[in-house]
Amino acid sequence: MSRMQDYMELEDSVLDAAESAAYHDTVKTRIRAISHLFDAIGEHVSRSRFHDKPTVTAVLVRRAAERYVETRREVHAYVGAVA
């Protein structure tokens, strides 16, 4: 598998996990979930074949944070609309 395919699979997995973290019930569990995700990104990238590991890690963490925030906004909008 190419590095690009590796990256695409990793990014899909990261984005799914970030979205899942946004649905946890309490702030404490959401923070714990996103923290574990960030740790897992660092560990996975450090064991990968990527040449520029710091950049790949930074991009994945940024994308995960963006997805998390986007999903939380959608949850708040839905809850506000239902209430």
PDB file of N, CA and C in Angstrom:
ATOM      1  N   MET A   1       0.838  -1.169   0.000  1.00  0.00           N
ATOM      2  CA  MET A   1       0.000   0.000   0.000  1.00  0.00           C
ATOM      3  C   MET A   1       0.890   1.242   0.000  1.00  0.00           C
ATOM      4  N   SER A   2       0.500   2.233  -0.765  1.00  0.00           N
ATOM      5  CA  SER A   2       1.294   3.456  -0.862  1.00  0.00           C
ATOM      6  C   SER A   2       1.117   4.324   0.384  1.00  0.00           C
ATOM      7  N   ARG A   3       2.017   5.271   0.549  1.00  0.00           N
ATOM      8  CA  ARG A   3       1.920   6.201   1.668  1.00  0.00           C
ATOM      9  C   ARG A   3       0.634   7.017   1.584  1.00  0.00           C
ATOM     10  N   MET A   4       0.242   7.369   0.366  1.00  0.00           N
ATOM     11  CA  MET A   4      -0.979   8.152   0.189  1.00  0.00           C
ATOM     12  C   MET A   4      -2.204   7.345   0.622  1.00  0.00           C
ATOM     13  N   GLN A   5      -2.245   6.085   0.256  1.00  0.00           N
ATOM     14  CA  GLN A   5      -3.353   5.230   0.691  1.00  0.00           C
ATOM     15  C   GLN A   5      -3.343   5.066   2.213  1.00  0.00           C
ATOM     16  N   ASP A   6      -2.143   4.894   2.778  1.00  0.00           N
ATOM     17  CA  ASP A   6      -2.011   4.813   4.231  1.00  0.00           C
ATOM     18  C   ASP A   6      -2.578   6.067   4.885  1.00  0.00           C
ATOM     19  N   TYR A   7      -2.211   7.218   4.326  1.00  0.00           N
ATOM     20  CA  TYR A   7      -2.674   8.487   4.883  1.00  0.00           C
ATOM     21  C   TYR A   7      -4.192   8.609   4.776  1.00  0.00           C
ATOM     22  N   MET A   8      -4.745   8.267   3.621  1.00  0.00           N
ATOM     23  CA  MET A   8      -6.189   8.392   3.409  1.00  0.00           C
ATOM     24  C   MET A   8      -6.960   7.505   4.395  1.00  0.00           C
ATOM     25  N   GLU A   9      -6.497   6.301   4.599  1.00  0.00           N
ATOM     26  CA  GLU A   9      -7.146   5.402   5.553  1.00  0.00           C
ATOM     27  C   GLU A   9      -7.028   5.934   6.979  1.00  0.00           C
ATOM     28  N   LEU A  10      -5.850   6.430   7.314  1.00  0.00           N
ATOM     29  CA  LEU A  10      -5.642   6.981   8.644  1.00  0.00           C
ATOM     30  C   LEU A  10      -6.519   8.215   8.851  1.00  0.00           C
ATOM     31  N   GLU A  11      -6.587   9.076   7.875  1.00  0.00           N
ATOM     32  CA  GLU A  11      -7.406  10.282   7.997  1.00  0.00           C
ATOM     33  C   GLU A  11      -8.887   9.923   8.158  1.00  0.00           C
ATOM     34  N   ASP A  12      -9.373   8.977   7.383  1.00  0.00           N
ATOM     35  CA  ASP A  12     -10.769   8.541   7.522  1.00  0.00           C
ATOM     36  C   ASP A  12     -11.045   8.034   8.936  1.00  0.00           C
ATOM     37  N   SER A  13     -10.139   7.244   9.435  1.00  0.00           N
ATOM     38  CA  SER A  13     -10.273   6.694  10.774  1.00  0.00           C
ATOM     39  C   SER A  13     -10.257   7.799  11.832  1.00  0.00           C
ATOM     40  N   VAL A  14      -9.351   8.749  11.679  1.00  0.00           N
ATOM     41  CA  VAL A  14      -9.230   9.869  12.610  1.00  0.00           C
ATOM     42  C   VAL A  14     -10.504  10.713  12.599  1.00  0.00           C
ATOM     43  N   LEU A  15     -11.022  11.008  11.420  1.00  0.00           N
ATOM     44  CA  LEU A  15     -12.222  11.838  11.321  1.00  0.00           C
ATOM     45  C   LEU A  15     -13.437  11.130  11.921  1.00  0.00           C
ATOM     46  N   ASP A  16     -13.548   9.835  11.703  1.00  0.00           N
ATOM     47  CA  ASP A  16     -14.638   9.071  12.311  1.00  0.00           C
ATOM     48  C   ASP A  16     -14.536   9.090  13.836  1.00  0.00           C
ATOM     49  N   ALA A  17     -13.329   8.919  14.352  1.00  0.00           N
ATOM     50  CA  ALA A  17     -13.129   8.917  15.806  1.00  0.00           C
ATOM     51  C   ALA A  17     -13.414  10.289  16.406  1.00  0.00           C
ATOM     52  N   ALA A  18     -13.037  11.355  15.704  1.00  0.00           N
ATOM     53  CA  ALA A  18     -13.301  12.714  16.202  1.00  0.00           C
ATOM     54  C   ALA A  18     -14.800  12.984  16.243  1.00  0.00           C
ATOM     55  N   GLU A  19     -15.500  12.546  15.218  1.00  0.00           N
ATOM     56  CA  GLU A  19     -16.945  12.727  15.183  1.00  0.00           C
ATOM     57  C   GLU A  19     -17.601  11.926  16.313  1.00  0.00           C
ATOM     58  N   SER A  20     -17.139  10.726  16.524  1.00  0.00           N
ATOM     59  CA  SER A  20     -17.660   9.896  17.599  1.00  0.00           C
ATOM     60  C   SER A  20     -17.415  10.547  18.969  1.00  0.00           C
ATOM     61  N   ALA A  21     -16.242  11.119  19.159  1.00  0.00           N
ATOM     62  CA  ALA A  21     -15.909  11.783  20.424  1.00  0.00           C
ATOM     63  C   ALA A  21     -16.862  12.938  20.713  1.00  0.00           C
ATOM     64  N   ALA A  22     -17.320  13.600  19.675  1.00  0.00           N
ATOM     65  CA  ALA A  22     -18.206  14.750  19.846  1.00  0.00           C
ATOM     66  C   ALA A  22     -19.575  14.356  20.380  1.00  0.00           C
ATOM     67  N   TYR A  23     -19.939  13.100  20.279  1.00  0.00           N
ATOM     68  CA  TYR A  23     -21.252  12.644  20.724  1.00  0.00           C
ATOM     69  C   TYR A  23     -21.273  12.119  22.153  1.00  0.00           C
ATOM     70  N   HIS A  24     -20.146  12.101  22.833  1.00  0.00           N
ATOM     71  CA  HIS A  24     -20.144  11.646  24.226  1.00  0.00           C
ATOM     72  C   HIS A  24     -21.019  12.573  25.068  1.00  0.00           C
ATOM     73  N   ASP A  25     -21.614  12.030  26.111  1.00  0.00           N
ATOM     74  CA  ASP A  25     -22.599  12.770  26.904  1.00  0.00           C
ATOM     75  C   ASP A  25     -22.026  13.912  27.737  1.00  0.00           C
ATOM     76  N   THR A  26     -20.901  13.692  28.356  1.00  0.00           N
ATOM     77  CA  THR A  26     -20.370  14.713  29.260  1.00  0.00           C
ATOM     78  C   THR A  26     -19.100  15.332  28.691  1.00  0.00           C
ATOM     79  N   VAL A  27     -18.813  16.524  29.179  1.00  0.00           N
ATOM     80  CA  VAL A  27     -17.600  17.220  28.752  1.00  0.00           C
ATOM     81  C   VAL A  27     -16.367  16.388  29.101  1.00  0.00           C
ATOM     82  N   LYS A  28     -16.380  15.812  30.281  1.00  0.00           N
ATOM     83  CA  LYS A  28     -15.235  15.019  30.738  1.00  0.00           C
ATOM     84  C   LYS A  28     -14.954  13.855  29.785  1.00  0.00           C
ATOM     85  N   THR A  29     -15.974  13.131  29.384  1.00  0.00           N
ATOM     86  CA  THR A  29     -15.749  11.997  28.490  1.00  0.00           C
ATOM     87  C   THR A  29     -15.390  12.456  27.081  1.00  0.00           C
ATOM     88  N   ARG A  30     -15.926  13.595  26.650  1.00  0.00           N
ATOM     89  CA  ARG A  30     -15.527  14.129  25.336  1.00  0.00           C
ATOM     90  C   ARG A  30     -14.060  14.527  25.328  1.00  0.00           C
ATOM     91  N   ILE A  31     -13.630  15.200  26.385  1.00  0.00           N
ATOM     92  CA  ILE A  31     -12.218  15.613  26.472  1.00  0.00           C
ATOM     93  C   ILE A  31     -11.316  14.387  26.534  1.00  0.00           C
ATOM     94  N   ARG A  32     -11.719  13.402  27.304  1.00  0.00           N
ATOM     95  CA  ARG A  32     -10.921  12.173  27.404  1.00  0.00           C
ATOM     96  C   ARG A  32     -10.835  11.475  26.041  1.00  0.00           C
ATOM     97  N   ALA A  33     -11.942  11.408  25.320  1.00  0.00           N
ATOM     98  CA  ALA A  33     -11.965  10.744  24.016  1.00  0.00           C
ATOM     99  C   ALA A  33     -11.083  11.465  23.005  1.00  0.00           C
ATOM    100  N   ILE A  34     -11.163  12.796  22.952  1.00  0.00           N
ATOM    101  CA  ILE A  34     -10.357  13.533  21.977  1.00  0.00           C
ATOM    102  C   ILE A  34      -8.878  13.488  22.367  1.00  0.00           C
ATOM    103  N   SER A  35      -8.601  13.478  23.662  1.00  0.00           N
ATOM    104  CA  SER A  35      -7.217  13.363  24.129  1.00  0.00           C
ATOM    105  C   SER A  35      -6.619  12.013  23.733  1.00  0.00           C
ATOM    106  N   HIS A  36      -7.383  10.955  23.923  1.00  0.00           N
ATOM    107  CA  HIS A  36      -6.918   9.627  23.504  1.00  0.00           C
ATOM    108  C   HIS A  36      -6.704   9.582  21.991  1.00  0.00           C
ATOM    109  N   LEU A  37      -7.598  10.237  21.258  1.00  0.00           N
ATOM    110  CA  LEU A  37      -7.447  10.278  19.804  1.00  0.00           C
ATOM    111  C   LEU A  37      -6.149  10.980  19.417  1.00  0.00           C
ATOM    112  N   PHE A  38      -5.863  12.123  20.033  1.00  0.00           N
ATOM    113  CA  PHE A  38      -4.625  12.843  19.714  1.00  0.00           C
ATOM    114  C   PHE A  38      -3.399  11.995  20.051  1.00  0.00           C
ATOM    115  N   ASP A  39      -3.436  11.300  21.179  1.00  0.00           N
ATOM    116  CA  ASP A  39      -2.327  10.407  21.544  1.00  0.00           C
ATOM    117  C   ASP A  39      -2.165   9.292  20.508  1.00  0.00           C
ATOM    118  N   ALA A  40      -3.289   8.721  20.084  1.00  0.00           N
ATOM    119  CA  ALA A  40      -3.247   7.629  19.103  1.00  0.00           C
ATOM    120  C   ALA A  40      -2.694   8.112  17.762  1.00  0.00           C
ATOM    121  N   ILE A  41      -3.041   9.327  17.377  1.00  0.00           N
ATOM    122  CA  ILE A  41      -2.503   9.886  16.127  1.00  0.00           C
ATOM    123  C   ILE A  41      -0.986   9.946  16.212  1.00  0.00           C
ATOM    124  N   GLY A  42      -0.470  10.494  17.303  1.00  0.00           N
ATOM    125  CA  GLY A  42       0.979  10.601  17.476  1.00  0.00           C
ATOM    126  C   GLY A  42       1.671   9.253  17.449  1.00  0.00           C
ATOM    127  N   GLU A  43       1.096   8.286  18.144  1.00  0.00           N
ATOM    128  CA  GLU A  43       1.687   6.951  18.176  1.00  0.00           C
ATOM    129  C   GLU A  43       1.669   6.291  16.801  1.00  0.00           C
ATOM    130  N   HIS A  44       0.536   6.397  16.121  1.00  0.00           N
ATOM    131  CA  HIS A  44       0.417   5.747  14.812  1.00  0.00           C
ATOM    132  C   HIS A  44       1.373   6.377  13.798  1.00  0.00           C
ATOM    133  N   VAL A  45       1.425   7.691  13.781  1.00  0.00           N
ATOM    134  CA  VAL A  45       2.297   8.368  12.817  1.00  0.00           C
ATOM    135  C   VAL A  45       3.762   8.077  13.132  1.00  0.00           C
ATOM    136  N   SER A  46       4.115   7.998  14.404  1.00  0.00           N
ATOM    137  CA  SER A  46       5.522   7.726  14.757  1.00  0.00           C
ATOM    138  C   SER A  46       5.969   6.349  14.284  1.00  0.00           C
ATOM    139  N   ARG A  47       5.019   5.407  14.152  1.00  0.00           N
ATOM    140  CA  ARG A  47       5.345   4.063  13.678  1.00  0.00           C
ATOM    141  C   ARG A  47       5.130   3.904  12.174  1.00  0.00           C
ATOM    142  N   SER A  48       4.766   4.958  11.505  1.00  0.00           N
ATOM    143  CA  SER A  48       4.410   4.879  10.084  1.00  0.00           C
ATOM    144  C   SER A  48       5.618   5.061   9.172  1.00  0.00           C
ATOM    145  N   ARG A  49       5.337   4.996   7.863  1.00  0.00           N
ATOM    146  CA  ARG A  49       6.367   5.184   6.838  1.00  0.00           C
ATOM    147  C   ARG A  49       6.412   6.611   6.321  1.00  0.00           C
ATOM    148  N   PHE A  50       5.635   7.520   6.909  1.00  0.00           N
ATOM    149  CA  PHE A  50       5.607   8.903   6.430  1.00  0.00           C
ATOM    150  C   PHE A  50       6.965   9.563   6.648  1.00  0.00           C
ATOM    151  N   HIS A  51       7.387  10.365   5.673  1.00  0.00           N
ATOM    152  CA  HIS A  51       8.690  11.037   5.773  1.00  0.00           C
ATOM    153  C   HIS A  51       8.648  12.220   6.729  1.00  0.00           C
ATOM    154  N   ASP A  52       7.622  13.056   6.607  1.00  0.00           N
ATOM    155  CA  ASP A  52       7.521  14.268   7.423  1.00  0.00           C
ATOM    156  C   ASP A  52       6.491  14.042   8.531  1.00  0.00           C
ATOM    157  N   LYS A  53       6.894  13.291   9.529  1.00  0.00           N
ATOM    158  CA  LYS A  53       5.973  12.869  10.581  1.00  0.00           C
ATOM    159  C   LYS A  53       5.376  14.033  11.380  1.00  0.00           C
ATOM    160  N   PRO A  54       6.158  15.051  11.729  1.00  0.00           N
ATOM    161  CA  PRO A  54       5.553  16.177  12.467  1.00  0.00           C
ATOM    162  C   PRO A  54       4.450  16.884  11.671  1.00  0.00           C
ATOM    163  N   THR A  55       4.654  17.046  10.387  1.00  0.00           N
ATOM    164  CA  THR A  55       3.646  17.702   9.561  1.00  0.00           C
ATOM    165  C   THR A  55       2.401  16.836   9.438  1.00  0.00           C
ATOM    166  N   VAL A  56       2.574  15.551   9.216  1.00  0.00           N
ATOM    167  CA  VAL A  56       1.430  14.631   9.110  1.00  0.00           C
ATOM    168  C   VAL A  56       0.655  14.628  10.422  1.00  0.00           C
ATOM    169  N   THR A  57       1.359  14.581  11.532  1.00  0.00           N
ATOM    170  CA  THR A  57       0.702  14.606  12.840  1.00  0.00           C
ATOM    171  C   THR A  57      -0.087  15.897  13.022  1.00  0.00           C
ATOM    172  N   ALA A  58       0.524  17.020  12.693  1.00  0.00           N
ATOM    173  CA  ALA A  58      -0.143  18.316  12.847  1.00  0.00           C
ATOM    174  C   ALA A  58      -1.394  18.416  11.977  1.00  0.00           C
ATOM    175  N   VAL A  59      -1.302  17.951  10.756  1.00  0.00           N
ATOM    176  CA  VAL A  59      -2.460  18.005   9.854  1.00  0.00           C
ATOM    177  C   VAL A  59      -3.587  17.123  10.377  1.00  0.00           C
ATOM    178  N   LEU A  60      -3.264  15.935  10.829  1.00  0.00           N
ATOM    179  CA  LEU A  60      -4.302  15.024  11.333  1.00  0.00           C
ATOM    180  C   LEU A  60      -4.943  15.556  12.616  1.00  0.00           C
ATOM    181  N   VAL A  61      -4.150  16.125  13.496  1.00  0.00           N
ATOM    182  CA  VAL A  61      -4.700  16.700  14.726  1.00  0.00           C
ATOM    183  C   VAL A  61      -5.601  17.888  14.388  1.00  0.00           C
ATOM    184  N   ARG A  62      -5.167  18.727  13.471  1.00  0.00           N
ATOM    185  CA  ARG A  62      -5.986  19.874  13.064  1.00  0.00           C
ATOM    186  C   ARG A  62      -7.302  19.414  12.438  1.00  0.00           C
ATOM    187  N   ARG A  63      -7.233  18.421  11.549  1.00  0.00           N
ATOM    188  CA  ARG A  63      -8.441  17.902  10.900  1.00  0.00           C
ATOM    189  C   ARG A  63      -9.385  17.269  11.922  1.00  0.00           C
ATOM    190  N   ALA A  64      -8.818  16.556  12.899  1.00  0.00           N
ATOM    191  CA  ALA A  64      -9.638  15.942  13.949  1.00  0.00           C
ATOM    192  C   ALA A  64     -10.332  17.022  14.777  1.00  0.00           C
ATOM    193  N   ALA A  65      -9.601  18.054  15.141  1.00  0.00           N
ATOM    194  CA  ALA A  65     -10.188  19.146  15.923  1.00  0.00           C
ATOM    195  C   ALA A  65     -11.286  19.845  15.137  1.00  0.00           C
ATOM    196  N   GLU A  66     -11.062  20.084  13.864  1.00  0.00           N
ATOM    197  CA  GLU A  66     -12.081  20.720  13.025  1.00  0.00           C
ATOM    198  C   GLU A  66     -13.341  19.858  12.952  1.00  0.00           C
ATOM    199  N   ARG A  67     -13.183  18.568  12.749  1.00  0.00           N
ATOM    200  CA  ARG A  67     -14.340  17.671  12.661  1.00  0.00           C
ATOM    201  C   ARG A  67     -15.090  17.626  13.987  1.00  0.00           C
ATOM    202  N   TYR A  68     -14.336  17.584  15.082  1.00  0.00           N
ATOM    203  CA  TYR A  68     -14.949  17.567  16.409  1.00  0.00           C
ATOM    204  C   TYR A  68     -15.806  18.821  16.620  1.00  0.00           C
ATOM    205  N   VAL A  69     -15.242  19.980  16.345  1.00  0.00           N
ATOM    206  CA  VAL A  69     -15.958  21.249  16.538  1.00  0.00           C
ATOM    207  C   VAL A  69     -17.171  21.322  15.610  1.00  0.00           C
ATOM    208  N   GLU A  70     -17.001  20.937  14.377  1.00  0.00           N
ATOM    209  CA  GLU A  70     -18.105  20.941  13.416  1.00  0.00           C
ATOM    210  C   GLU A  70     -19.254  20.051  13.902  1.00  0.00           C
ATOM    211  N   THR A  71     -18.926  18.878  14.394  1.00  0.00           N
ATOM    212  CA  THR A  71     -19.946  17.954  14.877  1.00  0.00           C
ATOM    213  C   THR A  71     -20.621  18.485  16.135  1.00  0.00           C
ATOM    214  N   ARG A  72     -19.852  19.066  17.052  1.00  0.00           N
ATOM    215  CA  ARG A  72     -20.451  19.654  18.262  1.00  0.00           C
ATOM    216  C   ARG A  72     -21.416  20.770  17.890  1.00  0.00           C
ATOM    217  N   ARG A  73     -21.071  21.584  16.909  1.00  0.00           N
ATOM    218  CA  ARG A  73     -21.974  22.659  16.466  1.00  0.00           C
ATOM    219  C   ARG A  73     -23.268  22.072  15.906  1.00  0.00           C
ATOM    220  N   GLU A  74     -23.156  20.996  15.146  1.00  0.00           N
ATOM    221  CA  GLU A  74     -24.352  20.342  14.606  1.00  0.00           C
ATOM    222  C   GLU A  74     -25.218  19.779  15.729  1.00  0.00           C
ATOM    223  N   VAL A  75     -24.591  19.194  16.739  1.00  0.00           N
ATOM    224  CA  VAL A  75     -25.332  18.647  17.877  1.00  0.00           C
ATOM    225  C   VAL A  75     -26.072  19.779  18.591  1.00  0.00           C
ATOM    226  N   HIS A  76     -25.385  20.885  18.853  1.00  0.00           N
ATOM    227  CA  HIS A  76     -26.015  22.028  19.528  1.00  0.00           C
ATOM    228  C   HIS A  76     -27.160  22.596  18.699  1.00  0.00           C
ATOM    229  N   ALA A  77     -26.969  22.688  17.399  1.00  0.00           N
ATOM    230  CA  ALA A  77     -28.032  23.203  16.526  1.00  0.00           C
ATOM    231  C   ALA A  77     -29.241  22.281  16.552  1.00  0.00           C
ATOM    232  N   TYR A  78     -29.003  20.986  16.542  1.00  0.00           N
ATOM    233  CA  TYR A  78     -30.102  20.020  16.571  1.00  0.00           C
ATOM    234  C   TYR A  78     -30.842  20.092  17.901  1.00  0.00           C
ATOM    235  N   VAL A  79     -30.106  20.129  19.000  1.00  0.00           N
ATOM    236  CA  VAL A  79     -30.714  20.186  20.330  1.00  0.00           C
ATOM    237  C   VAL A  79     -31.508  21.484  20.481  1.00  0.00           C
ATOM    238  N   GLY A  80     -30.958  22.573  19.970  1.00  0.00           N
ATOM    239  CA  GLY A  80     -31.670  23.850  20.033  1.00  0.00           C
ATOM    240  C   GLY A  80     -32.939  23.846  19.203  1.00  0.00           C
ATOM    241  N   ALA A  81     -32.914  23.180  18.083  1.00  0.00           N
ATOM    242  CA  ALA A  81     -34.082  23.113  17.200  1.00  0.00           C
ATOM    243  C   ALA A  81     -35.169  22.217  17.787  1.00  0.00           C
ATOM    244  N   VAL A  82     -34.770  21.162  18.488  1.00  0.00           N
ATOM    245  CA  VAL A  82     -35.725  20.222  19.077  1.00  0.00           C
ATOM    246  C   VAL A  82     -36.366  20.810  20.327  1.00  0.00           C
ATOM    247  N   ALA A  83     -35.590  21.589  21.075  1.00  0.00           N
ATOM    248  CA  ALA A  83     -36.081  22.123  22.354  1.00  0.00           C
ATOM    249  C   ALA A  83     -37.067  23.214  22.199  1.00  0.00           C
TER     250      ALA A  83
END
